[in-house]
N, C-alpha and C. Protein backbone atom coordinates (compact mmCIF):
# COMPACT_ATOMS: atom_id res chain seq x y z
N MET A 1 1.36 -1.24 -0.14
CA MET A 1 -0.11 -0.13 0.00
C MET A 1 1.05 1.30 -0.08
N ALA A 2 0.34 2.06 -1.38
CA ALA A 2 1.87 3.12 -1.39
C ALA A 2 1.10 4.20 -0.15
N TYR A 3 1.92 5.64 0.15
CA TYR A 3 1.53 7.10 0.75
C TYR A 3 1.01 7.72 -0.05
N GLN A 4 0.00 8.30 -0.29
CA GLN A 4 -0.54 9.04 -0.93
C GLN A 4 -0.40 10.86 0.02
N GLU A 5 -0.02 11.41 -0.79
CA GLU A 5 0.53 12.25 -0.98
C GLU A 5 -0.65 13.68 -0.56
N PRO A 6 -1.11 14.24 0.93
CA PRO A 6 -2.82 15.28 0.28
C PRO A 6 -2.67 16.43 -0.75
N GLY A 7 -3.85 16.51 -0.78
CA GLY A 7 -3.46 17.39 -2.14
C GLY A 7 -3.66 18.87 -1.59
N PRO A 8 -4.49 20.02 -2.25
CA PRO A 8 -3.43 21.40 -2.07
C PRO A 8 -4.52 21.91 -1.38
N VAL A 9 -4.43 21.78 0.10
CA VAL A 9 -4.99 22.55 1.08
C VAL A 9 -4.89 23.90 0.84
N GLY A 10 -6.62 24.38 0.19
CA GLY A 10 -6.21 25.96 0.59
C GLY A 10 -7.97 26.34 1.29
N PRO A 11 -8.10 27.47 1.45
CA PRO A 11 -9.38 28.39 2.34
C PRO A 11 -10.90 27.26 1.65
N PRO A 12 -11.84 26.56 2.09
CA PRO A 12 -12.20 26.71 1.33
C PRO A 12 -13.72 27.29 0.24
N GLN A 13 -14.31 27.09 0.32
CA GLN A 13 -15.18 27.88 -1.01
C GLN A 13 -16.29 28.16 -0.66
N ASN A 14 -16.86 29.34 -1.00
CA ASN A 14 -17.88 30.02 -0.63
C ASN A 14 -18.55 29.06 -1.44
N HIS A 15 -19.66 29.82 -0.10
CA HIS A 15 -21.09 28.48 -0.94
C HIS A 15 -21.50 29.86 -1.98
N PRO A 16 -22.37 29.37 -2.77
CA PRO A 16 -22.95 29.37 -4.28
C PRO A 16 -23.78 31.31 -3.65
N ARG A 17 -23.92 31.35 -3.09
CA ARG A 17 -25.19 32.47 -2.84
C ARG A 17 -24.30 33.53 -1.43
N ALA A 18 -23.50 33.30 -1.15
CA ALA A 18 -22.62 33.70 -0.16
C ALA A 18 -22.79 36.00 -1.01
N ILE A 19 -22.53 35.20 -1.81
CA ILE A 19 -22.32 36.68 -2.72
C ILE A 19 -23.75 37.77 -3.12
N PRO A 20 -24.15 36.11 -3.77
CA PRO A 20 -25.38 37.52 -3.76
C PRO A 20 -26.49 37.93 -3.00
N ALA A 21 -25.94 36.83 -1.70
CA ALA A 21 -27.33 37.62 -1.14
C ALA A 21 -27.37 39.47 -0.87
N LEU A 22 -25.31 39.38 -0.65
CA LEU A 22 -24.64 40.10 0.12
C LEU A 22 -25.08 41.37 -1.23
N VAL A 23 -25.48 40.45 -2.73
CA VAL A 23 -25.20 42.09 -3.51
C VAL A 23 -27.24 42.60 -3.46
N LEU A 24 -27.62 41.40 -3.04
CA LEU A 24 -29.54 41.92 -3.38
C LEU A 24 -30.15 42.92 -1.30
N GLY A 25 -28.40 42.76 -1.49
CA GLY A 25 -28.25 43.27 0.69
C GLY A 25 -28.16 45.20 -0.03
N ILE A 26 -26.58 45.20 -0.18
CA ILE A 26 -26.65 46.52 -0.98
C ILE A 26 -28.01 47.18 -1.92
N VAL A 27 -27.60 45.89 -3.38
CA VAL A 27 -29.57 46.15 -3.75
C VAL A 27 -30.86 47.21 -2.76
N GLY A 28 -30.94 46.52 -1.77
CA GLY A 28 -31.89 47.28 -1.05
C GLY A 28 -32.84 47.89 -0.23
N LEU A 29 -31.01 48.02 -0.03
CA LEU A 29 -31.28 49.33 0.79
C LEU A 29 -31.15 50.59 -0.08
N PHE A 30 -31.65 50.38 -1.55
CA PHE A 30 -31.83 51.53 -2.60
C PHE A 30 -32.70 51.30 -3.51
N CYS A 31 -33.49 50.56 -3.55
CA CYS A 31 -33.99 49.27 -3.91
C CYS A 31 -34.57 48.39 -3.09
N GLY A 32 -35.84 48.57 -2.63
CA GLY A 32 -36.43 47.72 -1.00
C GLY A 32 -36.27 46.37 -1.41
N ILE A 33 -37.29 46.46 -2.89
CA ILE A 33 -37.88 45.60 -3.42
C ILE A 33 -36.85 43.21 -3.16
N ALA A 34 -35.72 44.39 -2.95
CA ALA A 34 -34.84 43.97 -2.91
C ALA A 34 -34.21 43.11 -1.75
N ALA A 35 -34.70 43.79 -0.88
CA ALA A 35 -34.61 43.79 0.66
C ALA A 35 -34.39 42.38 0.95
N PRO A 36 -35.58 41.65 1.21
CA PRO A 36 -36.81 40.23 1.52
C PRO A 36 -36.02 39.54 0.93
N PHE A 37 -35.57 39.38 -0.21
CA PHE A 37 -34.85 38.17 -0.70
C PHE A 37 -33.20 37.83 -0.36
N ALA A 38 -32.62 38.87 -0.08
CA ALA A 38 -30.98 39.35 0.74
C ALA A 38 -31.71 38.70 1.64
N LEU A 39 -32.58 38.58 2.57
CA LEU A 39 -32.43 38.16 3.61
C LEU A 39 -33.03 36.73 4.28
N PHE A 40 -33.66 36.35 2.72
CA PHE A 40 -33.90 34.25 3.54
C PHE A 40 -32.59 34.09 2.56
N ILE A 41 -32.24 34.12 1.21
CA ILE A 41 -31.33 33.39 0.86
C ILE A 41 -29.45 33.40 1.59
N GLY A 42 -29.57 35.60 2.54
CA GLY A 42 -28.19 35.34 3.33
C GLY A 42 -28.49 34.14 4.29
N LYS A 43 -29.79 34.11 5.20
CA LYS A 43 -30.30 33.47 5.94
C LYS A 43 -30.15 31.66 5.93
N LYS A 44 -30.43 31.64 4.63
CA LYS A 44 -29.82 30.58 4.15
C LYS A 44 -29.02 29.57 3.76
N ALA A 45 -28.53 30.59 3.31
CA ALA A 45 -26.62 30.01 2.81
C ALA A 45 -26.00 30.50 4.12
N MET A 46 -26.13 31.31 5.10
CA MET A 46 -25.10 30.61 6.56
C MET A 46 -26.28 29.87 7.24
N ASP A 47 -26.79 29.34 6.96
CA ASP A 47 -27.77 27.77 8.22
C ASP A 47 -26.40 26.85 7.44
N GLU A 48 -26.27 26.42 6.30
CA GLU A 48 -26.13 25.55 4.81
C GLU A 48 -24.60 25.48 5.28
N ILE A 49 -23.61 27.20 5.29
CA ILE A 49 -22.99 26.66 6.22
C ILE A 49 -22.64 26.65 6.67
N ASP A 50 -22.88 27.20 8.07
CA ASP A 50 -22.75 25.99 9.85
C ASP A 50 -22.80 25.00 9.45
N ALA A 51 -23.27 24.59 8.83
CA ALA A 51 -24.07 22.58 8.06
C ALA A 51 -22.23 22.37 8.09
N SER A 52 -22.10 22.72 8.05
CA SER A 52 -21.25 22.87 6.66
C SER A 52 -19.86 22.09 7.01
N GLY A 53 -20.27 22.04 8.43
CA GLY A 53 -18.74 21.99 9.64
C GLY A 53 -17.62 22.37 8.83
N GLY A 54 -17.52 23.47 7.95
CA GLY A 54 -16.00 24.07 7.88
C GLY A 54 -15.92 23.21 6.37
N GLN A 55 -15.94 22.86 5.59
CA GLN A 55 -16.66 22.70 4.71
C GLN A 55 -16.36 23.93 3.41
N VAL A 56 -16.71 24.97 4.16
CA VAL A 56 -18.09 26.08 3.46
C VAL A 56 -17.14 27.34 3.55
N GLY A 57 -16.92 28.04 2.23
CA GLY A 57 -16.68 29.09 3.79
C GLY A 57 -17.79 30.62 3.13
N GLY A 58 -17.68 31.52 2.88
CA GLY A 58 -18.15 32.55 2.94
C GLY A 58 -19.46 33.41 3.76
N ARG A 59 -19.30 33.33 4.88
CA ARG A 59 -20.11 33.14 6.27
C ARG A 59 -20.32 34.73 6.42
N GLY A 60 -18.98 35.55 6.37
CA GLY A 60 -18.89 37.11 6.18
C GLY A 60 -19.15 37.35 5.36
N PRO A 61 -19.27 37.27 3.94
CA PRO A 61 -20.35 38.26 2.33
C PRO A 61 -22.11 37.30 2.34
N ALA A 62 -22.60 36.38 3.42
CA ALA A 62 -23.63 35.51 3.51
C ALA A 62 -24.58 36.92 4.62
N GLN A 63 -23.90 37.06 5.70
CA GLN A 63 -24.31 37.56 7.35
C GLN A 63 -24.03 38.99 6.68
N ALA A 64 -24.01 39.42 6.32
CA ALA A 64 -23.89 40.90 5.34
C ALA A 64 -25.24 41.24 4.93
N GLY A 65 -24.81 40.18 3.68
CA GLY A 65 -26.70 40.66 2.70
C GLY A 65 -27.49 40.59 3.08
N PHE A 66 -27.95 39.29 4.95
CA PHE A 66 -28.43 39.11 5.97
C PHE A 66 -28.79 40.27 5.68
N ILE A 67 -28.10 40.29 7.05
CA ILE A 67 -28.03 41.76 7.50
C ILE A 67 -28.60 43.32 6.87
N LEU A 68 -27.79 43.44 6.00
CA LEU A 68 -28.58 44.23 5.21
C LEU A 68 -30.14 44.64 4.38
N GLY A 69 -30.33 42.74 4.63
CA GLY A 69 -31.57 42.04 3.53
C GLY A 69 -32.75 43.14 5.12
N ILE A 70 -32.45 42.57 6.22
CA ILE A 70 -32.85 43.71 7.77
C ILE A 70 -33.54 44.67 6.88
N ILE A 71 -31.96 45.83 7.74
CA ILE A 71 -32.32 47.08 7.20
C ILE A 71 -33.11 47.51 6.41
N GLY A 72 -32.59 46.50 5.10
CA GLY A 72 -33.96 47.57 3.39
C GLY A 72 -35.27 46.87 4.02
N SER A 73 -35.63 45.75 4.63
CA SER A 73 -36.20 44.90 5.18
C SER A 73 -37.45 46.26 5.64
N ILE A 74 -36.94 46.71 6.27
CA ILE A 74 -37.11 47.38 7.53
C ILE A 74 -37.50 48.45 6.72
N LEU A 75 -36.67 49.86 5.77
CA LEU A 75 -37.33 50.48 5.77
C LEU A 75 -38.07 49.98 4.19
N LEU A 76 -38.25 49.46 4.06
CA LEU A 76 -39.62 49.34 2.44
C LEU A 76 -40.32 48.90 3.78
N VAL A 77 -40.47 48.28 4.62
CA VAL A 77 -42.59 48.39 5.67
C VAL A 77 -42.20 49.95 6.04
N ILE A 78 -41.53 50.65 6.78
CA ILE A 78 -41.49 51.61 6.40
C ILE A 78 -41.88 53.12 5.63
N GLY A 79 -41.32 52.70 4.46
CA GLY A 79 -41.75 53.46 3.12
C GLY A 79 -42.98 53.29 2.91
N VAL A 80 -43.92 52.30 2.44
CA VAL A 80 -45.19 51.30 2.74
C VAL A 80 -46.22 52.22 3.62
N LEU A 81 -45.31 52.53 4.85
CA LEU A 81 -46.39 52.68 5.49
C LEU A 81 -46.94 54.68 5.50
N THR A 82 -45.59 55.01 4.91
CA THR A 82 -46.02 56.20 5.37
C THR A 82 -46.33 56.85 3.87
N LEU A 83 -46.66 56.10 3.16
CA LEU A 83 -46.63 55.82 1.25
C LEU A 83 -48.19 56.67 1.47
N PRO A 84 -49.42 56.84 2.33
CA PRO A 84 -50.74 57.72 2.43
C PRO A 84 -49.54 58.43 2.94
N MET A 85 -49.43 59.24 3.98
CA MET A 85 -48.90 60.22 4.45
C MET A 85 -48.96 61.03 2.65
N ARG A 86 -47.54 60.57 2.09
CA ARG A 86 -46.78 62.02 1.40
C ARG A 86 -48.33 62.31 0.66
N MET A 87 -49.35 61.32 -0.21
CA MET A 87 -50.60 61.73 -0.51
C MET A 87 -50.86 62.99 -0.58
């Protein structure tokens, strides 16, 4: 039996939804309709990253997208609630 050398060890690959959650979170601050999507995608990505046991990375961008999604969603709700007052 031959000893097999381990392959190159590098940082784990980012979750495929981490960056989209961040981008949607940023866009959601300016265009409120994208914020709830950032919230849900970011939360799902964070849950999957946590469940991977370190095999998948990208928790930072996913968490940032989640937080921006919360902020954008709150701003969206405030904007919708104050819309009748502006007319």
